[in-house]
């Protein structure tokens, strides 16, 4: 469990939005930025392109929230480029608006403890990291289960709400809902208004 811990640092190569290969230090890459770091098993597979394309479809929502979006798989940077150059109707992902990292040595998935034991690929892990490099959320799906990008955005909104208002978010909370002042009076007031 990495929640409330500093996101492990790493050095890696990534492919930027123009298919340029760049070497990065993760901490420098996310300096003073709220970040979503997500892992998928392999390029050119089945659930994976649907997730990448849905992240991309909702990229403006991440940008509006000033979130840096970074993806990771164990494929090489060259495989990432080939996948991006493959048309969507042929199983590729086309041009996307965020950088994708190569973890070909499986060092990153080991640091984040998201490797699948039987296959050696990464599970579908998602980490929301704040500006101080603290992990505020982590979730891991099994290989056949695609993640819900709307839920990731809802969690970002909840983290931002808590940070700004110093209130906590009840079950089913979504942007625009009331929070709870974290004391006895606050929960009593919330329950009285919510569950009449």
N, C-alpha and C. Protein backbone atom coordinates (compact mmCIF):
# COMPACT_ATOMS: atom_id res chain seq x y z
N UNK A 1 0.85 -1.18 0.00
CA UNK A 1 0.00 0.00 0.00
C UNK A 1 0.89 1.24 0.00
N UNK A 2 0.68 2.11 -0.99
CA UNK A 2 1.52 3.31 -1.12
C UNK A 2 0.78 4.60 -0.80
N UNK A 3 -0.50 4.52 -0.47
CA UNK A 3 -1.24 5.74 -0.17
C UNK A 3 -0.62 6.46 1.03
N UNK A 4 -0.49 7.78 0.91
CA UNK A 4 0.13 8.66 1.90
C UNK A 4 1.64 8.51 1.99
N UNK A 5 2.23 7.82 1.02
CA UNK A 5 3.69 7.72 0.94
C UNK A 5 4.17 8.50 -0.28
N UNK A 6 5.46 8.82 -0.28
CA UNK A 6 6.04 9.51 -1.44
C UNK A 6 6.10 8.55 -2.62
N UNK A 7 5.67 9.02 -3.77
CA UNK A 7 5.70 8.20 -4.98
C UNK A 7 7.13 7.80 -5.29
N UNK A 8 7.42 6.51 -5.46
CA UNK A 8 8.78 6.09 -5.76
C UNK A 8 9.32 6.76 -7.03
N UNK A 9 10.56 7.20 -6.95
CA UNK A 9 11.19 7.82 -8.11
C UNK A 9 11.74 6.75 -9.04
N UNK A 10 11.95 7.12 -10.29
CA UNK A 10 12.57 6.22 -11.26
C UNK A 10 13.11 7.04 -12.43
N UNK A 11 14.01 6.43 -13.16
CA UNK A 11 14.49 7.00 -14.42
C UNK A 11 14.03 6.06 -15.53
N UNK A 12 13.62 6.65 -16.64
CA UNK A 12 13.09 5.82 -17.72
C UNK A 12 13.10 6.60 -19.03
N UNK A 13 12.82 5.88 -20.11
CA UNK A 13 12.58 6.51 -21.40
C UNK A 13 11.08 6.58 -21.63
N UNK A 14 10.66 7.65 -22.29
CA UNK A 14 9.26 7.76 -22.66
C UNK A 14 9.13 8.24 -24.09
N UNK A 15 7.91 8.11 -24.61
CA UNK A 15 7.57 8.63 -25.93
C UNK A 15 6.64 9.81 -25.72
N UNK A 16 7.02 10.99 -26.24
CA UNK A 16 6.18 12.17 -26.06
C UNK A 16 5.07 12.20 -27.11
N UNK A 17 4.30 13.27 -27.12
CA UNK A 17 3.14 13.31 -28.02
C UNK A 17 3.53 13.38 -29.49
N UNK A 18 4.80 13.76 -29.76
CA UNK A 18 5.29 13.81 -31.15
C UNK A 18 6.16 12.62 -31.50
N UNK A 19 6.07 11.56 -30.70
CA UNK A 19 6.82 10.31 -30.90
C UNK A 19 8.33 10.48 -30.74
N UNK A 20 8.73 11.50 -30.01
CA UNK A 20 10.15 11.68 -29.68
C UNK A 20 10.46 10.88 -28.42
N UNK A 21 11.62 10.22 -28.41
CA UNK A 21 12.06 9.43 -27.26
C UNK A 21 12.88 10.33 -26.33
N UNK A 22 12.48 10.37 -25.06
CA UNK A 22 13.12 11.25 -24.08
C UNK A 22 13.44 10.44 -22.82
N UNK A 23 14.60 10.70 -22.24
CA UNK A 23 14.94 10.11 -20.94
C UNK A 23 14.49 11.07 -19.84
N UNK A 24 13.84 10.52 -18.82
CA UNK A 24 13.32 11.37 -17.74
C UNK A 24 13.72 10.84 -16.36
N UNK A 25 13.70 11.76 -15.42
CA UNK A 25 13.68 11.45 -14.00
C UNK A 25 12.25 11.74 -13.56
N UNK A 26 11.56 10.77 -13.02
CA UNK A 26 10.13 10.92 -12.71
C UNK A 26 9.86 12.10 -11.80
N UNK A 27 10.61 12.24 -10.73
CA UNK A 27 10.35 13.35 -9.80
C UNK A 27 10.51 14.70 -10.48
N UNK A 28 11.49 14.83 -11.37
CA UNK A 28 11.66 16.09 -12.09
C UNK A 28 10.50 16.29 -13.08
N UNK A 29 10.05 15.22 -13.68
CA UNK A 29 8.95 15.28 -14.66
C UNK A 29 7.65 15.77 -14.01
N UNK A 30 7.42 15.40 -12.74
CA UNK A 30 6.15 15.76 -12.09
C UNK A 30 6.32 16.88 -11.07
N UNK A 31 7.46 17.54 -11.06
CA UNK A 31 7.74 18.61 -10.09
C UNK A 31 6.60 19.62 -10.03
N UNK A 32 6.04 19.82 -8.82
CA UNK A 32 4.96 20.78 -8.58
C UNK A 32 3.71 20.54 -9.43
N UNK A 33 3.47 19.28 -9.80
CA UNK A 33 2.29 18.96 -10.61
C UNK A 33 1.49 17.85 -9.93
N UNK A 34 0.17 17.98 -9.96
CA UNK A 34 -0.68 16.84 -9.61
C UNK A 34 -0.64 15.88 -10.80
N UNK A 35 -0.54 14.61 -10.51
CA UNK A 35 -0.25 13.63 -11.55
C UNK A 35 -1.12 12.39 -11.42
N UNK A 36 -1.53 11.84 -12.56
CA UNK A 36 -2.08 10.48 -12.61
C UNK A 36 -1.06 9.63 -13.34
N UNK A 37 -0.54 8.63 -12.64
CA UNK A 37 0.37 7.64 -13.21
C UNK A 37 -0.40 6.34 -13.30
N UNK A 38 -0.53 5.81 -14.52
CA UNK A 38 -1.30 4.57 -14.66
C UNK A 38 -0.52 3.54 -15.47
N UNK A 39 -0.72 2.29 -15.11
CA UNK A 39 -0.03 1.16 -15.72
C UNK A 39 -1.03 0.32 -16.50
N UNK A 40 -0.56 -0.24 -17.63
CA UNK A 40 -1.36 -1.23 -18.34
C UNK A 40 -0.44 -2.39 -18.70
N UNK A 41 -1.01 -3.56 -19.00
CA UNK A 41 -0.18 -4.76 -19.22
C UNK A 41 0.73 -4.68 -20.45
N UNK A 42 0.15 -4.52 -21.63
CA UNK A 42 0.92 -4.57 -22.87
C UNK A 42 0.24 -3.77 -23.97
N UNK A 43 1.05 -3.19 -24.84
CA UNK A 43 0.53 -2.59 -26.06
C UNK A 43 0.00 -3.71 -26.97
N UNK A 44 -0.77 -3.34 -27.95
CA UNK A 44 -1.30 -4.28 -28.95
C UNK A 44 -2.09 -5.43 -28.32
N UNK A 45 -2.81 -5.13 -27.24
CA UNK A 45 -3.66 -6.16 -26.64
C UNK A 45 -5.11 -5.74 -26.77
N UNK A 46 -5.95 -6.02 -25.79
CA UNK A 46 -7.40 -5.96 -26.02
C UNK A 46 -8.09 -4.88 -25.20
N UNK A 47 -8.03 -4.96 -23.90
CA UNK A 47 -8.64 -3.92 -23.06
C UNK A 47 -7.79 -2.64 -23.12
N UNK A 48 -6.48 -2.80 -23.23
CA UNK A 48 -5.54 -1.68 -23.11
C UNK A 48 -5.83 -0.51 -24.06
N UNK A 49 -6.04 -0.74 -25.36
CA UNK A 49 -6.28 0.43 -26.22
C UNK A 49 -7.56 1.18 -25.86
N UNK A 50 -8.56 0.47 -25.35
CA UNK A 50 -9.80 1.15 -24.96
C UNK A 50 -9.53 2.10 -23.79
N UNK A 51 -8.65 1.70 -22.88
CA UNK A 51 -8.31 2.57 -21.74
C UNK A 51 -7.51 3.79 -22.19
N UNK A 52 -6.48 3.54 -23.02
CA UNK A 52 -5.65 4.65 -23.50
C UNK A 52 -6.50 5.66 -24.25
N UNK A 53 -7.38 5.17 -25.12
CA UNK A 53 -8.21 6.07 -25.92
C UNK A 53 -9.24 6.80 -25.06
N UNK A 54 -9.73 6.17 -24.00
CA UNK A 54 -10.67 6.86 -23.12
C UNK A 54 -9.96 7.92 -22.28
N UNK A 55 -8.74 7.63 -21.80
CA UNK A 55 -7.95 8.68 -21.15
C UNK A 55 -7.76 9.85 -22.12
N UNK A 56 -7.45 9.52 -23.37
CA UNK A 56 -7.22 10.56 -24.37
C UNK A 56 -8.50 11.35 -24.68
N UNK A 57 -9.64 10.62 -24.79
CA UNK A 57 -10.93 11.30 -25.05
C UNK A 57 -11.25 12.30 -23.95
N UNK A 58 -10.82 12.01 -22.73
CA UNK A 58 -11.14 12.88 -21.60
C UNK A 58 -9.93 13.73 -21.18
N UNK A 59 -8.95 13.83 -22.05
CA UNK A 59 -7.72 14.56 -21.72
C UNK A 59 -8.00 16.01 -21.30
N UNK A 60 -8.96 16.66 -21.97
CA UNK A 60 -9.27 18.06 -21.62
C UNK A 60 -9.73 18.20 -20.18
N UNK A 61 -10.42 17.19 -19.66
CA UNK A 61 -10.87 17.23 -18.26
C UNK A 61 -9.68 17.15 -17.31
N UNK A 62 -8.68 16.35 -17.66
CA UNK A 62 -7.46 16.28 -16.85
C UNK A 62 -6.69 17.60 -16.94
N UNK A 63 -6.60 18.13 -18.15
CA UNK A 63 -5.88 19.39 -18.35
C UNK A 63 -6.55 20.53 -17.59
N UNK A 64 -7.88 20.58 -17.61
CA UNK A 64 -8.62 21.61 -16.89
C UNK A 64 -8.33 21.55 -15.39
N UNK A 65 -8.09 20.34 -14.88
CA UNK A 65 -7.79 20.15 -13.46
C UNK A 65 -6.29 20.23 -13.18
N UNK A 66 -5.52 20.61 -14.21
CA UNK A 66 -4.06 20.75 -14.11
C UNK A 66 -3.39 19.46 -13.65
N UNK A 67 -3.84 18.35 -14.27
CA UNK A 67 -3.30 17.03 -13.97
C UNK A 67 -2.35 16.61 -15.07
N UNK A 68 -1.17 16.18 -14.68
CA UNK A 68 -0.23 15.59 -15.64
C UNK A 68 -0.58 14.11 -15.74
N UNK A 69 -0.81 13.65 -16.95
CA UNK A 69 -1.20 12.27 -17.21
C UNK A 69 -0.01 11.53 -17.80
N UNK A 70 0.38 10.41 -17.17
CA UNK A 70 1.51 9.61 -17.64
C UNK A 70 1.12 8.13 -17.60
N UNK A 71 1.34 7.42 -18.70
CA UNK A 71 1.07 5.99 -18.76
C UNK A 71 2.35 5.19 -18.79
N UNK A 72 2.26 3.93 -18.32
CA UNK A 72 3.43 3.05 -18.24
C UNK A 72 3.05 1.63 -18.65
N UNK A 73 3.89 1.01 -19.49
CA UNK A 73 3.80 -0.44 -19.69
C UNK A 73 5.21 -0.98 -19.88
N UNK A 74 5.33 -2.29 -19.92
CA UNK A 74 6.66 -2.91 -20.04
C UNK A 74 7.15 -2.97 -21.48
N UNK A 75 6.40 -2.41 -22.40
CA UNK A 75 6.83 -2.39 -23.80
C UNK A 75 7.99 -1.41 -24.00
N UNK A 76 8.75 -1.61 -25.05
CA UNK A 76 9.84 -0.69 -25.38
C UNK A 76 9.27 0.60 -25.95
N UNK A 77 10.08 1.65 -25.98
CA UNK A 77 9.65 2.90 -26.59
C UNK A 77 9.33 2.70 -28.07
N UNK A 78 10.02 1.76 -28.70
CA UNK A 78 9.79 1.50 -30.13
C UNK A 78 8.44 0.82 -30.35
N UNK A 79 8.05 -0.05 -29.44
CA UNK A 79 6.73 -0.66 -29.52
C UNK A 79 5.65 0.40 -29.27
N UNK A 80 5.90 1.29 -28.30
CA UNK A 80 4.96 2.40 -28.06
C UNK A 80 4.75 3.22 -29.34
N UNK A 81 5.85 3.55 -30.01
CA UNK A 81 5.75 4.35 -31.24
C UNK A 81 4.97 3.59 -32.32
N UNK A 82 5.27 2.30 -32.45
CA UNK A 82 4.57 1.49 -33.45
C UNK A 82 3.07 1.44 -33.15
N UNK A 83 2.72 1.33 -31.87
CA UNK A 83 1.31 1.29 -31.46
C UNK A 83 0.62 2.61 -31.78
N UNK A 84 1.34 3.72 -31.55
CA UNK A 84 0.77 5.03 -31.85
C UNK A 84 0.62 5.25 -33.35
N UNK A 85 1.49 4.63 -34.12
CA UNK A 85 1.42 4.80 -35.58
C UNK A 85 0.43 3.84 -36.23
N UNK A 86 -0.10 2.90 -35.46
CA UNK A 86 -1.09 1.96 -35.99
C UNK A 86 -2.48 2.58 -35.89
N UNK A 87 -3.24 2.58 -36.98
CA UNK A 87 -4.58 3.17 -36.95
C UNK A 87 -5.47 2.50 -35.89
N UNK A 88 -6.39 3.26 -35.36
CA UNK A 88 -7.29 2.75 -34.32
C UNK A 88 -8.07 1.54 -34.83
N UNK A 89 -8.53 1.58 -36.08
CA UNK A 89 -9.31 0.46 -36.60
C UNK A 89 -8.48 -0.78 -36.87
N UNK A 90 -7.17 -0.69 -36.64
CA UNK A 90 -6.27 -1.85 -36.76
C UNK A 90 -5.71 -2.27 -35.39
N UNK A 91 -6.30 -1.73 -34.31
CA UNK A 91 -5.87 -2.09 -32.97
C UNK A 91 -4.85 -1.15 -32.35
N UNK A 92 -4.54 -0.06 -33.05
CA UNK A 92 -3.60 0.92 -32.52
C UNK A 92 -4.30 1.99 -31.71
N UNK A 93 -3.52 3.01 -31.31
CA UNK A 93 -4.10 4.09 -30.51
C UNK A 93 -3.99 5.45 -31.21
N UNK A 94 -3.26 5.50 -32.32
CA UNK A 94 -3.14 6.77 -33.03
C UNK A 94 -2.43 7.83 -32.21
N UNK A 95 -2.66 9.09 -32.54
CA UNK A 95 -2.03 10.21 -31.83
C UNK A 95 -2.75 10.43 -30.51
N UNK A 96 -1.98 10.45 -29.42
CA UNK A 96 -2.56 10.72 -28.11
C UNK A 96 -1.88 11.94 -27.49
N UNK A 97 -2.54 12.53 -26.50
CA UNK A 97 -2.10 13.81 -25.95
C UNK A 97 -1.28 13.71 -24.66
N UNK A 98 -0.77 12.55 -24.35
CA UNK A 98 0.05 12.42 -23.15
C UNK A 98 1.22 11.47 -23.42
N UNK A 99 2.20 11.54 -22.54
CA UNK A 99 3.42 10.75 -22.70
C UNK A 99 3.23 9.33 -22.16
N UNK A 100 3.92 8.38 -22.82
CA UNK A 100 3.87 7.00 -22.35
C UNK A 100 5.29 6.48 -22.11
N UNK A 101 5.44 5.86 -20.96
CA UNK A 101 6.74 5.45 -20.43
C UNK A 101 7.00 3.99 -20.72
N UNK A 102 8.26 3.67 -21.01
CA UNK A 102 8.70 2.29 -21.19
C UNK A 102 9.30 1.76 -19.89
N UNK A 103 8.79 0.63 -19.44
CA UNK A 103 9.31 -0.06 -18.24
C UNK A 103 9.82 -1.44 -18.65
N UNK A 104 10.64 -1.46 -19.70
CA UNK A 104 11.05 -2.74 -20.30
C UNK A 104 11.80 -3.64 -19.31
N UNK A 105 12.48 -3.05 -18.34
CA UNK A 105 13.19 -3.85 -17.32
C UNK A 105 12.31 -4.19 -16.12
N UNK A 106 11.08 -3.73 -16.14
CA UNK A 106 10.09 -4.00 -15.09
C UNK A 106 10.49 -3.43 -13.73
N UNK A 107 11.33 -2.40 -13.77
CA UNK A 107 11.79 -1.79 -12.51
C UNK A 107 10.71 -0.90 -11.90
N UNK A 108 9.95 -0.20 -12.73
CA UNK A 108 8.93 0.71 -12.22
C UNK A 108 7.79 -0.08 -11.60
N UNK A 109 7.32 -1.11 -12.30
CA UNK A 109 6.21 -1.90 -11.75
C UNK A 109 6.62 -2.59 -10.45
N UNK A 110 7.90 -2.90 -10.31
CA UNK A 110 8.38 -3.49 -9.06
C UNK A 110 8.33 -2.45 -7.93
N UNK A 111 8.76 -1.21 -8.21
CA UNK A 111 8.74 -0.14 -7.19
C UNK A 111 7.31 0.16 -6.74
N UNK A 112 6.37 0.04 -7.67
CA UNK A 112 4.97 0.35 -7.35
C UNK A 112 4.17 -0.91 -6.98
N UNK A 113 4.83 -2.05 -7.00
CA UNK A 113 4.24 -3.34 -6.60
C UNK A 113 2.95 -3.65 -7.37
N UNK A 114 3.04 -3.56 -8.70
CA UNK A 114 1.84 -3.78 -9.51
C UNK A 114 2.03 -4.91 -10.54
N UNK A 115 3.10 -5.67 -10.41
CA UNK A 115 3.34 -6.76 -11.35
C UNK A 115 2.41 -7.94 -11.11
N UNK A 116 1.98 -8.57 -12.19
CA UNK A 116 1.14 -9.76 -12.10
C UNK A 116 2.06 -10.97 -12.09
N UNK A 117 1.99 -11.79 -11.04
CA UNK A 117 2.98 -12.84 -10.80
C UNK A 117 3.07 -13.87 -11.91
N UNK A 118 1.95 -14.30 -12.47
CA UNK A 118 1.96 -15.39 -13.44
C UNK A 118 2.47 -14.98 -14.81
N UNK A 119 2.19 -13.73 -15.22
CA UNK A 119 2.54 -13.30 -16.57
C UNK A 119 3.74 -12.36 -16.62
N UNK A 120 4.03 -11.68 -15.50
CA UNK A 120 5.14 -10.72 -15.48
C UNK A 120 4.77 -9.34 -16.00
N UNK A 121 3.54 -9.18 -16.50
CA UNK A 121 3.11 -7.86 -16.96
C UNK A 121 2.53 -7.09 -15.78
N UNK A 122 2.23 -5.82 -16.00
CA UNK A 122 1.63 -5.01 -14.95
C UNK A 122 0.13 -5.20 -14.93
N UNK A 123 -0.43 -5.16 -13.73
CA UNK A 123 -1.88 -5.08 -13.58
C UNK A 123 -2.33 -3.66 -13.95
N UNK A 124 -3.62 -3.44 -14.00
CA UNK A 124 -4.17 -2.13 -14.39
C UNK A 124 -4.20 -1.23 -13.15
N UNK A 125 -3.06 -0.63 -12.83
CA UNK A 125 -2.91 0.16 -11.61
C UNK A 125 -2.99 1.65 -11.92
N UNK A 126 -3.60 2.39 -11.00
CA UNK A 126 -3.75 3.83 -11.14
C UNK A 126 -3.32 4.51 -9.84
N UNK A 127 -2.48 5.53 -9.96
CA UNK A 127 -2.01 6.29 -8.80
C UNK A 127 -2.29 7.76 -9.04
N UNK A 128 -2.93 8.41 -8.07
CA UNK A 128 -3.12 9.87 -8.11
C UNK A 128 -2.13 10.45 -7.11
N UNK A 129 -1.29 11.35 -7.60
CA UNK A 129 -0.16 11.88 -6.84
C UNK A 129 -0.30 13.40 -6.76
N UNK A 130 -0.14 13.96 -5.55
CA UNK A 130 -0.29 15.41 -5.41
C UNK A 130 1.01 16.15 -5.71
N UNK A 131 0.96 17.48 -5.61
CA UNK A 131 2.11 18.31 -5.96
C UNK A 131 3.34 18.03 -5.09
N UNK A 132 3.10 17.49 -3.91
CA UNK A 132 4.20 17.16 -3.00
C UNK A 132 4.72 15.75 -3.20
N UNK A 133 4.31 15.11 -4.30
CA UNK A 133 4.70 13.75 -4.66
C UNK A 133 4.13 12.68 -3.73
N UNK A 134 3.07 13.04 -2.99
CA UNK A 134 2.42 12.10 -2.09
C UNK A 134 1.30 11.39 -2.84
N UNK A 135 1.27 10.06 -2.74
CA UNK A 135 0.21 9.28 -3.38
C UNK A 135 -1.07 9.42 -2.55
N UNK A 136 -2.12 9.95 -3.16
CA UNK A 136 -3.40 10.17 -2.48
C UNK A 136 -4.42 9.07 -2.79
N UNK A 137 -4.19 8.33 -3.87
CA UNK A 137 -5.11 7.25 -4.25
C UNK A 137 -4.33 6.21 -5.03
N UNK A 138 -4.66 4.94 -4.80
CA UNK A 138 -4.18 3.88 -5.68
C UNK A 138 -5.29 2.86 -5.84
N UNK A 139 -5.37 2.32 -7.04
CA UNK A 139 -6.32 1.23 -7.31
C UNK A 139 -5.68 0.29 -8.32
N UNK A 140 -6.05 -0.98 -8.22
CA UNK A 140 -5.48 -2.00 -9.11
C UNK A 140 -6.59 -2.92 -9.58
N UNK A 141 -6.73 -3.02 -10.89
CA UNK A 141 -7.69 -3.95 -11.49
C UNK A 141 -6.95 -5.17 -12.03
N UNK A 142 -7.62 -6.30 -12.02
CA UNK A 142 -7.10 -7.50 -12.67
C UNK A 142 -7.05 -7.26 -14.19
N UNK A 143 -6.31 -8.08 -14.89
CA UNK A 143 -6.07 -7.88 -16.32
C UNK A 143 -7.33 -7.75 -17.17
N UNK A 144 -8.40 -8.53 -16.93
CA UNK A 144 -9.57 -8.44 -17.81
C UNK A 144 -10.49 -7.25 -17.55
N UNK A 145 -10.23 -6.48 -16.48
CA UNK A 145 -11.18 -5.45 -16.05
C UNK A 145 -10.65 -4.06 -16.34
N UNK A 146 -11.26 -3.39 -17.32
CA UNK A 146 -10.87 -2.02 -17.65
C UNK A 146 -11.31 -1.04 -16.59
N UNK A 147 -10.53 0.02 -16.44
CA UNK A 147 -10.88 1.00 -15.39
C UNK A 147 -11.89 2.02 -15.89
N UNK A 148 -12.51 2.73 -14.95
CA UNK A 148 -13.52 3.74 -15.23
C UNK A 148 -12.85 5.11 -15.14
N UNK A 149 -12.65 5.78 -16.25
CA UNK A 149 -11.94 7.05 -16.28
C UNK A 149 -12.76 8.14 -15.58
N UNK A 150 -14.09 8.06 -15.68
CA UNK A 150 -14.94 9.01 -14.96
C UNK A 150 -14.69 8.94 -13.45
N UNK A 151 -14.48 7.73 -12.94
CA UNK A 151 -14.23 7.57 -11.50
C UNK A 151 -12.89 8.18 -11.11
N UNK A 152 -11.90 8.08 -11.97
CA UNK A 152 -10.60 8.70 -11.69
C UNK A 152 -10.76 10.22 -11.61
N UNK A 153 -11.54 10.79 -12.51
CA UNK A 153 -11.78 12.23 -12.48
C UNK A 153 -12.55 12.61 -11.21
N UNK A 154 -13.54 11.79 -10.83
CA UNK A 154 -14.28 12.06 -9.59
C UNK A 154 -13.34 12.06 -8.38
N UNK A 155 -12.41 11.12 -8.35
CA UNK A 155 -11.46 11.05 -7.24
C UNK A 155 -10.54 12.27 -7.21
N UNK A 156 -10.12 12.73 -8.37
CA UNK A 156 -9.31 13.96 -8.44
C UNK A 156 -10.10 15.13 -7.87
N UNK A 157 -11.38 15.23 -8.25
CA UNK A 157 -12.22 16.30 -7.73
C UNK A 157 -12.36 16.21 -6.21
N UNK A 158 -12.50 14.98 -5.69
CA UNK A 158 -12.62 14.78 -4.25
C UNK A 158 -11.34 15.19 -3.53
N UNK A 159 -10.20 14.80 -4.08
CA UNK A 159 -8.90 15.18 -3.48
C UNK A 159 -8.74 16.70 -3.48
N UNK A 160 -9.09 17.33 -4.60
CA UNK A 160 -8.99 18.79 -4.69
C UNK A 160 -9.94 19.48 -3.71
N UNK A 161 -11.15 18.95 -3.57
CA UNK A 161 -12.14 19.50 -2.65
C UNK A 161 -11.62 19.42 -1.22
N UNK A 162 -11.11 18.25 -0.84
CA UNK A 162 -10.58 18.07 0.51
C UNK A 162 -9.41 19.01 0.77
N UNK A 163 -8.52 19.14 -0.20
CA UNK A 163 -7.35 20.01 -0.04
C UNK A 163 -7.76 21.47 0.12
N UNK A 164 -8.74 21.90 -0.69
CA UNK A 164 -9.16 23.30 -0.67
C UNK A 164 -10.06 23.64 0.51
N UNK A 165 -11.03 22.78 0.80
CA UNK A 165 -12.06 23.09 1.79
C UNK A 165 -11.77 22.50 3.18
N UNK A 166 -10.83 21.55 3.24
CA UNK A 166 -10.56 20.85 4.50
C UNK A 166 -11.80 20.11 5.01
N UNK A 167 -12.67 19.72 4.07
CA UNK A 167 -13.82 18.89 4.40
C UNK A 167 -13.60 17.51 3.78
N UNK A 168 -14.29 16.51 4.33
CA UNK A 168 -14.16 15.15 3.82
C UNK A 168 -15.33 14.83 2.91
N UNK A 169 -15.14 13.84 2.04
CA UNK A 169 -16.12 13.51 1.01
C UNK A 169 -16.86 12.22 1.37
N UNK A 170 -18.18 12.29 1.52
CA UNK A 170 -18.95 11.09 1.88
C UNK A 170 -19.10 10.14 0.70
N UNK A 171 -19.74 9.01 0.97
CA UNK A 171 -20.04 8.03 -0.08
C UNK A 171 -20.82 8.70 -1.21
N UNK A 172 -20.50 8.33 -2.43
CA UNK A 172 -21.18 8.81 -3.63
C UNK A 172 -20.92 10.29 -3.92
N UNK A 173 -19.98 10.92 -3.21
CA UNK A 173 -19.70 12.34 -3.42
C UNK A 173 -19.26 12.58 -4.86
N UNK A 174 -19.75 13.68 -5.42
CA UNK A 174 -19.28 14.14 -6.72
C UNK A 174 -19.20 15.65 -6.69
N UNK A 175 -18.46 16.21 -7.63
CA UNK A 175 -18.24 17.66 -7.66
C UNK A 175 -19.57 18.41 -7.59
N UNK A 176 -19.63 19.38 -6.69
CA UNK A 176 -20.84 20.16 -6.49
C UNK A 176 -21.63 19.71 -5.27
N UNK A 177 -21.37 18.48 -4.78
CA UNK A 177 -22.06 17.99 -3.59
C UNK A 177 -21.47 18.61 -2.33
N UNK A 178 -22.23 18.55 -1.24
CA UNK A 178 -21.71 19.05 0.02
C UNK A 178 -20.75 18.04 0.63
N UNK A 179 -19.76 18.56 1.33
CA UNK A 179 -18.84 17.71 2.06
C UNK A 179 -19.23 17.64 3.53
N UNK A 180 -18.36 17.05 4.31
CA UNK A 180 -18.61 16.92 5.74
C UNK A 180 -17.48 17.63 6.50
N UNK A 181 -17.86 18.53 7.40
CA UNK A 181 -16.86 19.10 8.31
C UNK A 181 -16.48 17.97 9.26
N UNK A 182 -15.20 17.63 9.35
CA UNK A 182 -14.81 16.42 10.07
C UNK A 182 -14.81 16.56 11.59
N UNK A 183 -16.03 16.72 12.12
CA UNK A 183 -16.23 16.66 13.57
C UNK A 183 -17.65 16.15 13.81
N UNK A 184 -18.00 15.94 15.09
CA UNK A 184 -19.30 15.35 15.41
C UNK A 184 -20.46 16.20 14.88
N UNK A 185 -20.36 17.50 15.07
CA UNK A 185 -21.43 18.39 14.59
C UNK A 185 -21.55 18.32 13.07
N UNK A 186 -20.38 18.25 12.39
CA UNK A 186 -20.38 18.20 10.94
C UNK A 186 -21.06 16.96 10.39
N UNK A 187 -20.77 15.79 10.97
CA UNK A 187 -21.40 14.56 10.46
C UNK A 187 -22.89 14.54 10.79
N UNK A 188 -23.25 15.04 11.98
CA UNK A 188 -24.67 15.09 12.33
C UNK A 188 -25.44 15.98 11.36
N UNK A 189 -24.86 17.14 11.03
CA UNK A 189 -25.50 18.05 10.08
C UNK A 189 -25.64 17.42 8.71
N UNK A 190 -24.58 16.75 8.26
CA UNK A 190 -24.64 16.09 6.94
C UNK A 190 -25.71 15.01 6.92
N UNK A 191 -25.71 14.14 7.92
CA UNK A 191 -26.67 13.02 7.94
C UNK A 191 -28.10 13.53 8.01
N UNK A 192 -28.32 14.60 8.79
CA UNK A 192 -29.65 15.18 8.92
C UNK A 192 -30.15 15.68 7.56
N UNK A 193 -29.27 16.31 6.78
CA UNK A 193 -29.66 16.87 5.48
C UNK A 193 -29.73 15.83 4.38
N UNK A 194 -28.89 14.82 4.47
CA UNK A 194 -28.80 13.83 3.39
C UNK A 194 -29.80 12.68 3.56
N UNK A 195 -29.97 12.25 4.79
CA UNK A 195 -30.78 11.04 5.05
C UNK A 195 -31.97 11.37 5.95
N UNK A 196 -32.82 12.26 5.48
CA UNK A 196 -33.99 12.68 6.27
C UNK A 196 -34.98 11.54 6.42
